[in-house]
Amino acid sequence: MEIEFERIHLQCDLLSPLKGFQEISVPTEVRIDPLTKRRSRIITWGLPSKGKFDFSQMIEESKGCFFCPDALHLKTPQFLKETVLEGRIVMGKAVGFPNLNPVGTHGNVVVLCQEHFLNLNQFTPQIFEEGFSVSVEIIRRTMALDPNIRYWQISQNFLPPGGSTILHPHLQVIGDPIPTNEMEWLVSAGSSYYERNKSVYWNDLIEREREIGERYITSIGKVHWFVSFAPIGFNEVCATVEGHGTINTLGEEEISSLARGIVSVLKYYYDKDLNSFNFSIYSISNAPSYQLLLRIISRTPIQPYYLNDWTSFEVLQSELTSNIFPEDLCREIRPYFS
């Protein structure tokens, strides 16, 4: 098994005005992802929490959006008849339709619920189960007409720090014949690993993480939840689904497991006074050495004074940062999965 957890320790020495100008050392840990070899930096300092944010004004000013029940079927697009005869796909309270402003070959939106806004502790497994079921049906019907669409991302951008312009909870379901950069890195590195080791990287990773016990959270059915050794975002939690490369091959049990895990992470975020997040599911067909992966990260929470969590390090140096040691995050979040 060819999995190494590489760390590089950096240290900055200075005279601190916070300590009467005594000499202090500020450490930074650089970690190298075992698969992609991408580096990330674990910083040991962070800004204090501002507490729970009052969303009442934002809700009042934006309520009645075109994802709300009264407008949804009047102001959102419909699928072409040959794709979805009924125009939109509805399962429970989740509704799927084409994105009016797509960023790919097949850009779609899934509105998750009728409520205009939810705090992170108000999301339920049923909300995501219905949303994922609609997503799978969109993918199934699209690929029946266009089987070359191998690469799908099912993502959620929640609140403006996460890139959303609409408060109303929704998913993005995007399919293309070409991969995103991240998908290409995962498939290419996973294929190289398989050629060298004759085994699937994610299965080997889960085996090693279980042995180590510092970053493996739990398994829910065939879904394994763990914290990334070299995170690409704040408070990053990952899941991989054993034996599957695409979301459209999952059964009800696996979809339920993904939904329950996401809700567990969001409750942890809420208790940490976080309120904005992103997650992505990387769904890739016809890639035997790849295994379905989900990543969820927190974003800088909405607060009275704007603060961005991406700097020139992330945007221009392609070196990502995290504000908590993965092992500490795993220890703190495990009880939320019980």
C-alpha atoms as a PDB file:
ATOM      1  CA  MET A   1       0.000   0.000   0.000  1.00  0.00           C
ATOM      2  CA  GLU A   2       1.595   3.230  -1.234  1.00  0.00           C
ATOM      3  CA  ILE A   3       0.118   5.905   1.023  1.00  0.00           C
ATOM      4  CA  GLU A   4       2.356   8.388   2.812  1.00  0.00           C
ATOM      5  CA  PHE A   5       1.282  11.191   5.128  1.00  0.00           C
ATOM      6  CA  GLU A   6       3.986  13.810   4.623  1.00  0.00           C
ATOM      7  CA  ARG A   7       4.356  16.902   6.828  1.00  0.00           C
ATOM      8  CA  ILE A   8       6.742  19.861   6.669  1.00  0.00           C
ATOM      9  CA  HIS A   9       7.073  22.036   9.776  1.00  0.00           C
ATOM     10  CA  LEU A  10       7.724  25.758   9.274  1.00  0.00           C
ATOM     11  CA  GLN A  11       8.383  28.326  11.988  1.00  0.00           C
ATOM     12  CA  CYS A  12       8.408  32.135  12.086  1.00  0.00           C
ATOM     13  CA  ASP A  13      10.238  33.894  14.966  1.00  0.00           C
ATOM     14  CA  LEU A  14       9.377  37.448  15.988  1.00  0.00           C
ATOM     15  CA  LEU A  15       9.137  39.903  18.890  1.00  0.00           C
ATOM     16  CA  SER A  16       5.464  40.109  19.796  1.00  0.00           C
ATOM     17  CA  PRO A  17       3.802  43.299  21.103  1.00  0.00           C
ATOM     18  CA  LEU A  18       1.173  40.998  22.645  1.00  0.00           C
ATOM     19  CA  LYS A  19       3.868  39.480  24.877  1.00  0.00           C
ATOM     20  CA  GLY A  20       5.785  42.663  25.843  1.00  0.00           C
ATOM     21  CA  PHE A  21       7.967  42.237  22.745  1.00  0.00           C
ATOM     22  CA  GLN A  22       9.290  38.912  23.938  1.00  0.00           C
ATOM     23  CA  GLU A  23      10.471  36.471  21.305  1.00  0.00           C
ATOM     24  CA  ILE A  24       7.817  33.994  20.176  1.00  0.00           C
ATOM     25  CA  SER A  25       7.648  31.297  17.514  1.00  0.00           C
ATOM     26  CA  VAL A  26       4.578  30.891  15.295  1.00  0.00           C
ATOM     27  CA  PRO A  27       4.380  27.444  13.640  1.00  0.00           C
ATOM     28  CA  THR A  28       2.793  26.510  10.308  1.00  0.00           C
ATOM     29  CA  GLU A  29       2.439  22.936   9.115  1.00  0.00           C
ATOM     30  CA  VAL A  30       2.508  22.131   5.394  1.00  0.00           C
ATOM     31  CA  ARG A  31       0.866  18.846   4.454  1.00  0.00           C
ATOM     32  CA  ILE A  32       1.091  16.963   1.163  1.00  0.00           C
ATOM     33  CA  ASP A  33      -1.970  15.112  -0.083  1.00  0.00           C
ATOM     34  CA  PRO A  34      -1.136  11.384  -0.415  1.00  0.00           C
ATOM     35  CA  LEU A  35      -2.901  11.100  -3.791  1.00  0.00           C
ATOM     36  CA  THR A  36      -2.606  14.391  -5.685  1.00  0.00           C
ATOM     37  CA  LYS A  37       0.562  15.639  -3.921  1.00  0.00           C
ATOM     38  CA  ARG A  38      -1.101  19.041  -3.566  1.00  0.00           C
ATOM     39  CA  ARG A  39       0.149  21.044  -0.584  1.00  0.00           C
ATOM     40  CA  SER A  40      -2.009  22.734   2.026  1.00  0.00           C
ATOM     41  CA  ARG A  41      -1.090  24.809   5.066  1.00  0.00           C
ATOM     42  CA  ILE A  42      -2.468  24.321   8.562  1.00  0.00           C
ATOM     43  CA  ILE A  43      -2.413  27.640  10.377  1.00  0.00           C
ATOM     44  CA  THR A  44      -2.586  27.585  14.156  1.00  0.00           C
ATOM     45  CA  TRP A  45      -4.214  30.965  14.735  1.00  0.00           C
ATOM     46  CA  GLY A  46      -7.738  32.091  13.974  1.00  0.00           C
ATOM     47  CA  LEU A  47     -10.173  34.938  14.454  1.00  0.00           C
ATOM     48  CA  PRO A  48     -12.551  34.730  17.434  1.00  0.00           C
ATOM     49  CA  SER A  49     -16.179  33.803  16.863  1.00  0.00           C
ATOM     50  CA  LYS A  50     -18.687  36.628  16.546  1.00  0.00           C
ATOM     51  CA  GLY A  51     -21.520  34.374  17.765  1.00  0.00           C
ATOM     52  CA  LYS A  52     -24.743  33.537  15.936  1.00  0.00           C
ATOM     53  CA  PHE A  53     -25.704  35.963  13.168  1.00  0.00           C
ATOM     54  CA  ASP A  54     -29.220  37.416  13.066  1.00  0.00           C
ATOM     55  CA  PHE A  55     -30.588  36.653   9.598  1.00  0.00           C
ATOM     56  CA  SER A  56     -34.012  38.254  10.141  1.00  0.00           C
ATOM     57  CA  GLN A  57     -33.316  41.342   8.022  1.00  0.00           C
ATOM     58  CA  MET A  58     -31.807  39.342   5.143  1.00  0.00           C
ATOM     59  CA  ILE A  59     -34.768  36.952   5.210  1.00  0.00           C
ATOM     60  CA  GLU A  60     -37.295  39.767   5.224  1.00  0.00           C
ATOM     61  CA  GLU A  61     -35.616  41.622   2.359  1.00  0.00           C
ATOM     62  CA  SER A  62     -35.264  38.565   0.119  1.00  0.00           C
ATOM     63  CA  LYS A  63     -38.377  36.493   0.894  1.00  0.00           C
ATOM     64  CA  GLY A  64     -40.663  35.674  -1.999  1.00  0.00           C
ATOM     65  CA  CYS A  65     -37.754  34.793  -4.292  1.00  0.00           C
ATOM     66  CA  PHE A  66     -38.375  32.741  -7.425  1.00  0.00           C
ATOM     67  CA  PHE A  67     -37.417  29.543  -5.541  1.00  0.00           C
ATOM     68  CA  CYS A  68     -40.262  30.095  -3.056  1.00  0.00           C
ATOM     69  CA  PRO A  69     -43.469  28.064  -3.611  1.00  0.00           C
ATOM     70  CA  ASP A  70     -45.612  30.900  -5.013  1.00  0.00           C
ATOM     71  CA  ALA A  71     -43.114  31.723  -7.761  1.00  0.00           C
ATOM     72  CA  LEU A  72     -41.272  28.448  -8.385  1.00  0.00           C
ATOM     73  CA  HIS A  73     -43.509  27.069 -11.165  1.00  0.00           C
ATOM     74  CA  LEU A  74     -44.026  30.472 -12.760  1.00  0.00           C
ATOM     75  CA  LYS A  75     -40.521  31.931 -12.832  1.00  0.00           C
ATOM     76  CA  THR A  76     -38.121  29.001 -13.239  1.00  0.00           C
ATOM     77  CA  PRO A  77     -37.168  27.298 -16.543  1.00  0.00           C
ATOM     78  CA  GLN A  78     -38.405  23.916 -17.734  1.00  0.00           C
ATOM     79  CA  PHE A  79     -36.520  21.045 -19.340  1.00  0.00           C
ATOM     80  CA  LEU A  80     -36.880  20.342 -23.032  1.00  0.00           C
ATOM     81  CA  LYS A  81     -39.782  17.944 -23.606  1.00  0.00           C
ATOM     82  CA  GLU A  82     -37.496  15.183 -24.907  1.00  0.00           C
ATOM     83  CA  THR A  83     -35.554  15.265 -21.632  1.00  0.00           C
ATOM     84  CA  VAL A  84     -38.359  15.706 -19.103  1.00  0.00           C
ATOM     85  CA  LEU A  85     -41.848  15.601 -20.567  1.00  0.00           C
ATOM     86  CA  GLU A  86     -43.404  17.103 -17.432  1.00  0.00           C
ATOM     87  CA  GLY A  87     -41.030  20.106 -17.531  1.00  0.00           C
ATOM     88  CA  ARG A  88     -39.583  19.764 -14.025  1.00  0.00           C
ATOM     89  CA  ILE A  89     -38.723  16.837 -11.745  1.00  0.00           C
ATOM     90  CA  VAL A  90     -40.454  16.809  -8.369  1.00  0.00           C
ATOM     91  CA  MET A  91     -39.790  14.390  -5.502  1.00  0.00           C
ATOM     92  CA  GLY A  92     -41.265  15.301  -2.153  1.00  0.00           C
ATOM     93  CA  LYS A  93     -40.509  18.987  -1.665  1.00  0.00           C
ATOM     94  CA  ALA A  94     -37.440  18.983  -3.938  1.00  0.00           C
ATOM     95  CA  VAL A  95     -37.874  20.426  -7.443  1.00  0.00           C
ATOM     96  CA  GLY A  96     -35.340  20.182 -10.258  1.00  0.00           C
ATOM     97  CA  PHE A  97     -35.140  22.307 -13.423  1.00  0.00           C
ATOM     98  CA  PRO A  98     -32.536  23.804 -15.806  1.00  0.00           C
ATOM     99  CA  ASN A  99     -30.402  26.676 -14.588  1.00  0.00           C
ATOM    100  CA  LEU A 100     -31.292  29.945 -16.316  1.00  0.00           C
ATOM    101  CA  ASN A 101     -27.578  30.863 -16.198  1.00  0.00           C
ATOM    102  CA  PRO A 102     -25.697  27.572 -16.754  1.00  0.00           C
ATOM    103  CA  VAL A 103     -21.920  27.247 -16.572  1.00  0.00           C
ATOM    104  CA  GLY A 104     -21.672  23.961 -18.453  1.00  0.00           C
ATOM    105  CA  THR A 105     -23.296  21.696 -21.026  1.00  0.00           C
ATOM    106  CA  HIS A 106     -26.043  20.653 -18.654  1.00  0.00           C
ATOM    107  CA  GLY A 107     -26.598  23.106 -15.817  1.00  0.00           C
ATOM    108  CA  ASN A 108     -29.428  22.369 -13.422  1.00  0.00           C
ATOM    109  CA  VAL A 109     -30.829  23.554 -10.105  1.00  0.00           C
ATOM    110  CA  VAL A 110     -32.572  21.532  -7.405  1.00  0.00           C
ATOM    111  CA  VAL A 111     -34.568  23.592  -4.910  1.00  0.00           C
ATOM    112  CA  LEU A 112     -34.347  21.610  -1.679  1.00  0.00           C
ATOM    113  CA  CYS A 113     -37.316  22.820   0.340  1.00  0.00           C
ATOM    114  CA  GLN A 114     -40.188  25.274   0.492  1.00  0.00           C
ATOM    115  CA  GLU A 115     -38.656  27.285   3.355  1.00  0.00           C
ATOM    116  CA  HIS A 116     -36.883  30.416   2.122  1.00  0.00           C
ATOM    117  CA  PHE A 117     -34.101  30.059   4.680  1.00  0.00           C
ATOM    118  CA  LEU A 118     -32.772  27.387   7.019  1.00  0.00           C
ATOM    119  CA  ASN A 119     -30.166  27.661   9.738  1.00  0.00           C
ATOM    120  CA  LEU A 120     -27.582  24.890   9.558  1.00  0.00           C
ATOM    121  CA  ASN A 121     -29.219  23.009  12.451  1.00  0.00           C
ATOM    122  CA  GLN A 122     -32.552  22.978  10.596  1.00  0.00           C
ATOM    123  CA  PHE A 123     -31.469  20.833   7.645  1.00  0.00           C
ATOM    124  CA  THR A 124     -32.771  17.251   7.856  1.00  0.00           C
ATOM    125  CA  PRO A 125     -31.682  14.027   6.140  1.00  0.00           C
ATOM    126  CA  GLN A 126     -35.001  13.960   4.264  1.00  0.00           C
ATOM    127  CA  ILE A 127     -34.227  17.318   2.644  1.00  0.00           C
ATOM    128  CA  PHE A 128     -30.989  15.995   1.147  1.00  0.00           C
ATOM    129  CA  GLU A 129     -32.439  12.559   0.355  1.00  0.00           C
ATOM    130  CA  GLU A 130     -35.126  14.175  -1.798  1.00  0.00           C
ATOM    131  CA  GLY A 131     -32.632  16.605  -3.324  1.00  0.00           C
ATOM    132  CA  PHE A 132     -30.200  13.837  -4.242  1.00  0.00           C
ATOM    133  CA  SER A 133     -33.016  11.692  -5.633  1.00  0.00           C
ATOM    134  CA  VAL A 134     -34.018  14.540  -7.959  1.00  0.00           C
ATOM    135  CA  SER A 135     -30.335  15.013  -8.895  1.00  0.00           C
ATOM    136  CA  VAL A 136     -29.988  11.330  -9.779  1.00  0.00           C
ATOM    137  CA  GLU A 137     -33.126  11.462 -11.914  1.00  0.00           C
ATOM    138  CA  ILE A 138     -31.804  14.510 -13.784  1.00  0.00           C
ATOM    139  CA  ILE A 139     -28.524  12.684 -14.445  1.00  0.00           C
ATOM    140  CA  ARG A 140     -30.301   9.473 -15.487  1.00  0.00           C
ATOM    141  CA  ARG A 141     -32.608  11.210 -17.968  1.00  0.00           C
ATOM    142  CA  THR A 142     -29.838  13.403 -19.388  1.00  0.00           C
ATOM    143  CA  MET A 143     -27.430  10.504 -19.920  1.00  0.00           C
ATOM    144  CA  ALA A 144     -30.150   8.467 -21.616  1.00  0.00           C
ATOM    145  CA  LEU A 145     -30.064  11.088 -24.370  1.00  0.00           C
ATOM    146  CA  ASP A 146     -26.396  12.090 -24.111  1.00  0.00           C
ATOM    147  CA  PRO A 147     -24.226   9.229 -22.737  1.00  0.00           C
ATOM    148  CA  ASN A 148     -21.034  11.253 -23.351  1.00  0.00           C
ATOM    149  CA  ILE A 149     -21.785  13.367 -20.280  1.00  0.00           C
ATOM    150  CA  ARG A 150     -19.489  11.421 -17.915  1.00  0.00           C
ATOM    151  CA  TYR A 151     -18.633  14.130 -15.424  1.00  0.00           C
ATOM    152  CA  TRP A 152     -21.200  15.401 -12.949  1.00  0.00           C
ATOM    153  CA  GLN A 153     -20.894  17.635  -9.917  1.00  0.00           C
ATOM    154  CA  ILE A 154     -23.644  17.904  -7.338  1.00  0.00           C
ATOM    155  CA  SER A 155     -22.838  20.931  -5.202  1.00  0.00           C
ATOM    156  CA  GLN A 156     -24.315  23.311  -2.688  1.00  0.00           C
ATOM    157  CA  ASN A 157     -23.237  26.914  -2.271  1.00  0.00           C
ATOM    158  CA  PHE A 158     -24.858  28.238   0.898  1.00  0.00           C
ATOM    159  CA  LEU A 159     -25.047  31.974   1.607  1.00  0.00           C
ATOM    160  CA  PRO A 160     -22.939  34.697  -0.085  1.00  0.00           C
ATOM    161  CA  PRO A 161     -19.564  33.605   1.426  1.00  0.00           C
ATOM    162  CA  GLY A 162     -20.182  30.233  -0.253  1.00  0.00           C
ATOM    163  CA  GLY A 163     -20.905  31.899  -3.594  1.00  0.00           C
ATOM    164  CA  SER A 164     -24.708  31.854  -3.511  1.00  0.00           C
ATOM    165  CA  THR A 165     -26.747  34.867  -4.573  1.00  0.00           C
ATOM    166  CA  ILE A 166     -29.982  33.332  -3.243  1.00  0.00           C
ATOM    167  CA  LEU A 167     -30.748  32.506   0.396  1.00  0.00           C
ATOM    168  CA  HIS A 168     -33.213  29.757  -0.524  1.00  0.00           C
ATOM    169  CA  PRO A 169     -31.423  26.368  -0.120  1.00  0.00           C
ATOM    170  CA  HIS A 170     -30.674  24.682  -3.440  1.00  0.00           C
ATOM    171  CA  LEU A 171     -28.207  22.409  -5.231  1.00  0.00           C
ATOM    172  CA  GLN A 172     -26.284  22.822  -8.477  1.00  0.00           C
ATOM    173  CA  VAL A 173     -26.258  19.705 -10.708  1.00  0.00           C
ATOM    174  CA  ILE A 174     -23.813  20.227 -13.575  1.00  0.00           C
ATOM    175  CA  GLY A 175     -22.833  17.702 -16.250  1.00  0.00           C
ATOM    176  CA  ASP A 176     -20.135  17.977 -18.917  1.00  0.00           C
ATOM    177  CA  PRO A 177     -18.240  15.778 -21.384  1.00  0.00           C
ATOM    178  CA  ILE A 178     -14.990  17.144 -19.922  1.00  0.00           C
ATOM    179  CA  PRO A 179     -13.840  17.057 -16.287  1.00  0.00           C
ATOM    180  CA  THR A 180     -13.231  19.982 -13.995  1.00  0.00           C
ATOM    181  CA  ASN A 181      -9.614  20.438 -12.931  1.00  0.00           C
ATOM    182  CA  GLU A 182     -10.319  18.709  -9.626  1.00  0.00           C
ATOM    183  CA  MET A 183     -12.013  15.749 -11.310  1.00  0.00           C
ATOM    184  CA  GLU A 184      -9.116  15.361 -13.744  1.00  0.00           C
ATOM    185  CA  TRP A 185      -6.593  15.384 -10.884  1.00  0.00           C
ATOM    186  CA  LEU A 186      -8.579  12.793  -8.944  1.00  0.00           C
ATOM    187  CA  VAL A 187      -9.043  10.472 -11.919  1.00  0.00           C
ATOM    188  CA  SER A 188      -5.468  10.824 -13.182  1.00  0.00           C
ATOM    189  CA  ALA A 189      -3.848  10.325  -9.780  1.00  0.00           C
ATOM    190  CA  GLY A 190      -6.249   7.519  -8.894  1.00  0.00           C
ATOM    191  CA  SER A 191      -5.495   5.735 -12.173  1.00  0.00           C
ATOM    192  CA  SER A 192      -1.732   6.028 -11.637  1.00  0.00           C
ATOM    193  CA  TYR A 193      -2.127   4.689  -8.107  1.00  0.00           C
ATOM    194  CA  TYR A 194      -4.165   1.731  -9.393  1.00  0.00           C
ATOM    195  CA  GLU A 195      -1.545   0.896 -12.017  1.00  0.00           C
ATOM    196  CA  ARG A 196       1.201   0.852  -9.372  1.00  0.00           C
ATOM    197  CA  ASN A 197      -0.682  -0.929  -6.590  1.00  0.00           C
ATOM    198  CA  LYS A 198      -3.481  -2.881  -8.332  1.00  0.00           C
ATOM    199  CA  SER A 199      -5.954  -1.498  -5.825  1.00  0.00           C
ATOM    200  CA  VAL A 200      -8.332   1.440  -5.540  1.00  0.00           C
ATOM    201  CA  TYR A 201      -6.759   4.364  -3.683  1.00  0.00           C
ATOM    202  CA  TRP A 202      -9.839   5.288  -1.655  1.00  0.00           C
ATOM    203  CA  ASN A 203     -10.265   1.744  -0.322  1.00  0.00           C
ATOM    204  CA  ASP A 204      -6.600   1.685   0.729  1.00  0.00           C
ATOM    205  CA  LEU A 205      -6.911   5.152   2.258  1.00  0.00           C
ATOM    206  CA  ILE A 206      -9.897   4.110   4.369  1.00  0.00           C
ATOM    207  CA  GLU A 207      -8.020   1.007   5.540  1.00  0.00           C
ATOM    208  CA  ARG A 208      -5.009   3.121   6.581  1.00  0.00           C
ATOM    209  CA  GLU A 209      -7.127   5.826   8.228  1.00  0.00           C
ATOM    210  CA  ARG A 210      -9.005   3.190  10.205  1.00  0.00           C
ATOM    211  CA  GLU A 211      -5.700   1.759  11.420  1.00  0.00           C
ATOM    212  CA  ILE A 212      -4.375   5.176  12.439  1.00  0.00           C
ATOM    213  CA  GLY A 213      -7.673   6.236  14.027  1.00  0.00           C
ATOM    214  CA  GLU A 214      -6.919   9.982  14.046  1.00  0.00           C
ATOM    215  CA  ARG A 215      -8.966  11.130  11.049  1.00  0.00           C
ATOM    216  CA  TYR A 216     -11.487   8.340  10.385  1.00  0.00           C
ATOM    217  CA  ILE A 217     -14.924   9.323  11.688  1.00  0.00           C
ATOM    218  CA  THR A 218     -17.293   6.430  10.990  1.00  0.00           C
ATOM    219  CA  SER A 219     -19.020   4.362   8.329  1.00  0.00           C
ATOM    220  CA  ILE A 220     -22.715   4.579   7.539  1.00  0.00           C
ATOM    221  CA  GLY A 221     -23.409   1.549   5.372  1.00  0.00           C
ATOM    222  CA  LYS A 222     -20.966   1.687   2.436  1.00  0.00           C
ATOM    223  CA  VAL A 223     -20.315   5.383   3.027  1.00  0.00           C
ATOM    224  CA  HIS A 224     -17.064   6.120   4.868  1.00  0.00           C
ATOM    225  CA  TRP A 225     -16.674   9.514   6.562  1.00  0.00           C
ATOM    226  CA  PHE A 226     -13.240  10.919   7.339  1.00  0.00           C
ATOM    227  CA  VAL A 227     -11.270  14.141   7.689  1.00  0.00           C
ATOM    228  CA  SER A 228      -8.762  14.943   4.974  1.00  0.00           C
ATOM    229  CA  PHE A 229      -5.086  14.764   5.963  1.00  0.00           C
ATOM    230  CA  ALA A 230      -4.293  17.748   3.704  1.00  0.00           C
ATOM    231  CA  PRO A 231      -7.535  19.762   3.605  1.00  0.00           C
ATOM    232  CA  ILE A 232      -8.385  22.087   0.737  1.00  0.00           C
ATOM    233  CA  GLY A 233     -10.706  24.226   2.861  1.00  0.00           C
ATOM    234  CA  PHE A 234     -11.721  25.093   6.404  1.00  0.00           C
ATOM    235  CA  ASN A 235     -13.189  22.296   8.549  1.00  0.00           C
ATOM    236  CA  GLU A 236     -13.119  19.898   5.606  1.00  0.00           C
ATOM    237  CA  VAL A 237     -14.934  16.582   6.006  1.00  0.00           C
ATOM    238  CA  CYS A 238     -14.967  13.913   3.283  1.00  0.00           C
ATOM    239  CA  ALA A 239     -16.966  10.842   2.371  1.00  0.00           C
ATOM    240  CA  THR A 240     -16.349   8.079  -0.139  1.00  0.00           C
ATOM    241  CA  VAL A 241     -18.839   5.422  -1.211  1.00  0.00           C
ATOM    242  CA  GLU A 242     -17.408   1.929  -1.447  1.00  0.00           C
ATOM    243  CA  GLY A 243     -17.883   0.282  -4.838  1.00  0.00           C
ATOM    244  CA  HIS A 244     -19.383   3.294  -6.643  1.00  0.00           C
ATOM    245  CA  GLY A 245     -17.944   5.961  -8.928  1.00  0.00           C
ATOM    246  CA  THR A 246     -21.192   7.742  -9.750  1.00  0.00           C
ATOM    247  CA  ILE A 247     -24.105   8.979  -7.692  1.00  0.00           C
ATOM    248  CA  ASN A 248     -26.633   7.561 -10.164  1.00  0.00           C
ATOM    249  CA  THR A 249     -25.667   3.980  -9.223  1.00  0.00           C
ATOM    250  CA  LEU A 250     -26.369   4.523  -5.521  1.00  0.00           C
ATOM    251  CA  GLY A 251     -29.288   2.871  -3.797  1.00  0.00           C
ATOM    252  CA  GLU A 252     -31.606   4.430  -1.243  1.00  0.00           C
ATOM    253  CA  GLU A 253     -29.380   3.299   1.635  1.00  0.00           C
ATOM    254  CA  GLU A 254     -26.263   5.022   0.261  1.00  0.00           C
ATOM    255  CA  ILE A 255     -28.170   8.225  -0.539  1.00  0.00           C
ATOM    256  CA  SER A 256     -29.609   8.205   2.974  1.00  0.00           C
ATOM    257  CA  SER A 257     -26.124   7.700   4.429  1.00  0.00           C
ATOM    258  CA  LEU A 258     -24.748  10.686   2.514  1.00  0.00           C
ATOM    259  CA  ALA A 259     -27.685  12.813   3.645  1.00  0.00           C
ATOM    260  CA  ARG A 260     -27.303  11.842   7.308  1.00  0.00           C
ATOM    261  CA  GLY A 261     -23.581  12.569   7.248  1.00  0.00           C
ATOM    262  CA  ILE A 262     -24.019  16.015   5.699  1.00  0.00           C
ATOM    263  CA  VAL A 263     -26.619  16.904   8.349  1.00  0.00           C
ATOM    264  CA  SER A 264     -24.183  15.773  11.067  1.00  0.00           C
ATOM    265  CA  VAL A 265     -21.470  18.050   9.688  1.00  0.00           C
ATOM    266  CA  LEU A 266     -23.851  21.008   9.428  1.00  0.00           C
ATOM    267  CA  LYS A 267     -24.908  20.609  13.057  1.00  0.00           C
ATOM    268  CA  TYR A 268     -21.244  20.705  14.065  1.00  0.00           C
ATOM    269  CA  TYR A 269     -20.725  23.848  11.984  1.00  0.00           C
ATOM    270  CA  TYR A 270     -23.764  25.460  13.623  1.00  0.00           C
ATOM    271  CA  ASP A 271     -22.440  24.763  17.105  1.00  0.00           C
ATOM    272  CA  LYS A 272     -19.166  26.431  16.046  1.00  0.00           C
ATOM    273  CA  ASP A 273     -21.100  29.580  15.033  1.00  0.00           C
ATOM    274  CA  LEU A 274     -20.450  28.908  11.348  1.00  0.00           C
ATOM    275  CA  ASN A 275     -23.242  29.559   8.864  1.00  0.00           C
ATOM    276  CA  SER A 276     -21.894  29.323   5.300  1.00  0.00           C
ATOM    277  CA  PHE A 277     -20.558  26.234   3.529  1.00  0.00           C
ATOM    278  CA  ASN A 278     -19.890  24.443   0.250  1.00  0.00           C
ATOM    279  CA  PHE A 279     -20.030  20.790  -0.625  1.00  0.00           C
ATOM    280  CA  SER A 280     -19.390  18.936  -3.850  1.00  0.00           C
ATOM    281  CA  ILE A 281     -19.959  15.355  -4.918  1.00  0.00           C
ATOM    282  CA  TYR A 282     -17.640  14.307  -7.750  1.00  0.00           C
ATOM    283  CA  SER A 283     -19.580  11.795  -9.864  1.00  0.00           C
ATOM    284  CA  ILE A 284     -17.549  10.248 -12.677  1.00  0.00           C
ATOM    285  CA  SER A 285     -18.606   7.349 -14.915  1.00  0.00           C
ATOM    286  CA  ASN A 286     -16.397   4.870 -16.789  1.00  0.00           C
ATOM    287  CA  ALA A 287     -13.427   5.391 -14.458  1.00  0.00           C
ATOM    288  CA  PRO A 288     -12.793   1.978 -12.827  1.00  0.00           C
ATOM    289  CA  SER A 289     -10.059   3.220 -10.476  1.00  0.00           C
ATOM    290  CA  TYR A 290     -12.157   6.125  -9.171  1.00  0.00           C
ATOM    291  CA  GLN A 291     -14.527   6.013  -6.198  1.00  0.00           C
ATOM    292  CA  LEU A 292     -17.307   8.530  -5.477  1.00  0.00           C
ATOM    293  CA  LEU A 293     -16.037  11.359  -3.275  1.00  0.00           C
ATOM    294  CA  LEU A 294     -17.805  14.123  -1.340  1.00  0.00           C
ATOM    295  CA  ARG A 295     -16.101  17.127   0.226  1.00  0.00           C
ATOM    296  CA  ILE A 296     -17.764  19.656   2.523  1.00  0.00           C
ATOM    297  CA  ILE A 297     -16.050  22.783   3.856  1.00  0.00           C
ATOM    298  CA  SER A 298     -17.130  25.737   5.965  1.00  0.00           C
ATOM    299  CA  ARG A 299     -16.727  29.292   4.727  1.00  0.00           C
ATOM    300  CA  THR A 300     -16.110  32.484   6.651  1.00  0.00           C
ATOM    301  CA  PRO A 301     -19.463  33.116   8.351  1.00  0.00           C
ATOM    302  CA  ILE A 302     -21.622  36.102   7.558  1.00  0.00           C
ATOM    303  CA  GLN A 303     -20.923  38.759  10.155  1.00  0.00           C
ATOM    304  CA  PRO A 304     -21.386  42.543  10.518  1.00  0.00           C
ATOM    305  CA  TYR A 305     -18.008  43.290   8.909  1.00  0.00           C
ATOM    306  CA  TYR A 306     -17.065  41.465   5.722  1.00  0.00           C
ATOM    307  CA  LEU A 307     -14.162  39.029   5.839  1.00  0.00           C
ATOM    308  CA  ASN A 308     -13.012  36.723   3.059  1.00  0.00           C
ATOM    309  CA  ASP A 309     -11.345  33.377   3.739  1.00  0.00           C
ATOM    310  CA  TRP A 310      -9.462  33.252   0.412  1.00  0.00           C
ATOM    311  CA  THR A 311      -6.270  35.246  -0.030  1.00  0.00           C
ATOM    312  CA  SER A 312      -3.510  35.399  -2.646  1.00  0.00           C
ATOM    313  CA  PHE A 313      -2.257  32.093  -1.197  1.00  0.00           C
ATOM    314  CA  GLU A 314      -5.361  30.271  -2.424  1.00  0.00           C
ATOM    315  CA  VAL A 315      -6.208  32.332  -5.515  1.00  0.00           C
ATOM    316  CA  LEU A 316      -2.759  33.043  -6.975  1.00  0.00           C
ATOM    317  CA  GLN A 317      -0.433  30.506  -5.334  1.00  0.00           C
ATOM    318  CA  SER A 318      -2.817  27.505  -5.518  1.00  0.00           C
ATOM    319  CA  GLU A 319      -1.826  26.597  -1.966  1.00  0.00           C
ATOM    320  CA  LEU A 320      -4.834  26.096   0.253  1.00  0.00           C
ATOM    321  CA  THR A 321      -5.136  26.750   3.966  1.00  0.00           C
ATOM    322  CA  SER A 322      -7.064  25.317   6.891  1.00  0.00           C
ATOM    323  CA  ASN A 323      -7.532  26.798  10.353  1.00  0.00           C
ATOM    324  CA  ILE A 324      -7.740  23.590  12.378  1.00  0.00           C
ATOM    325  CA  PHE A 325      -5.627  20.464  12.595  1.00  0.00           C
ATOM    326  CA  PRO A 326      -7.551  17.628  10.915  1.00  0.00           C
ATOM    327  CA  GLU A 327      -7.011  15.355  13.901  1.00  0.00           C
ATOM    328  CA  ASP A 328      -8.612  17.933  16.218  1.00  0.00           C
ATOM    329  CA  LEU A 329     -11.544  18.357  13.832  1.00  0.00           C
ATOM    330  CA  CYS A 330     -12.093  14.591  13.698  1.00  0.00           C
ATOM    331  CA  ARG A 331     -12.110  14.316  17.483  1.00  0.00           C
ATOM    332  CA  GLU A 332     -14.602  17.175  17.811  1.00  0.00           C
ATOM    333  CA  ILE A 333     -16.982  16.062  15.057  1.00  0.00           C
ATOM    334  CA  ARG A 334     -17.178  12.311  15.782  1.00  0.00           C
ATOM    335  CA  PRO A 335     -19.945  12.663  18.415  1.00  0.00           C
ATOM    336  CA  TYR A 336     -22.164  14.367  15.826  1.00  0.00           C
ATOM    337  CA  PHE A 337     -22.236  11.123  13.807  1.00  0.00           C
ATOM    338  CA  SER A 338     -23.424   8.967  16.709  1.00  0.00           C
END
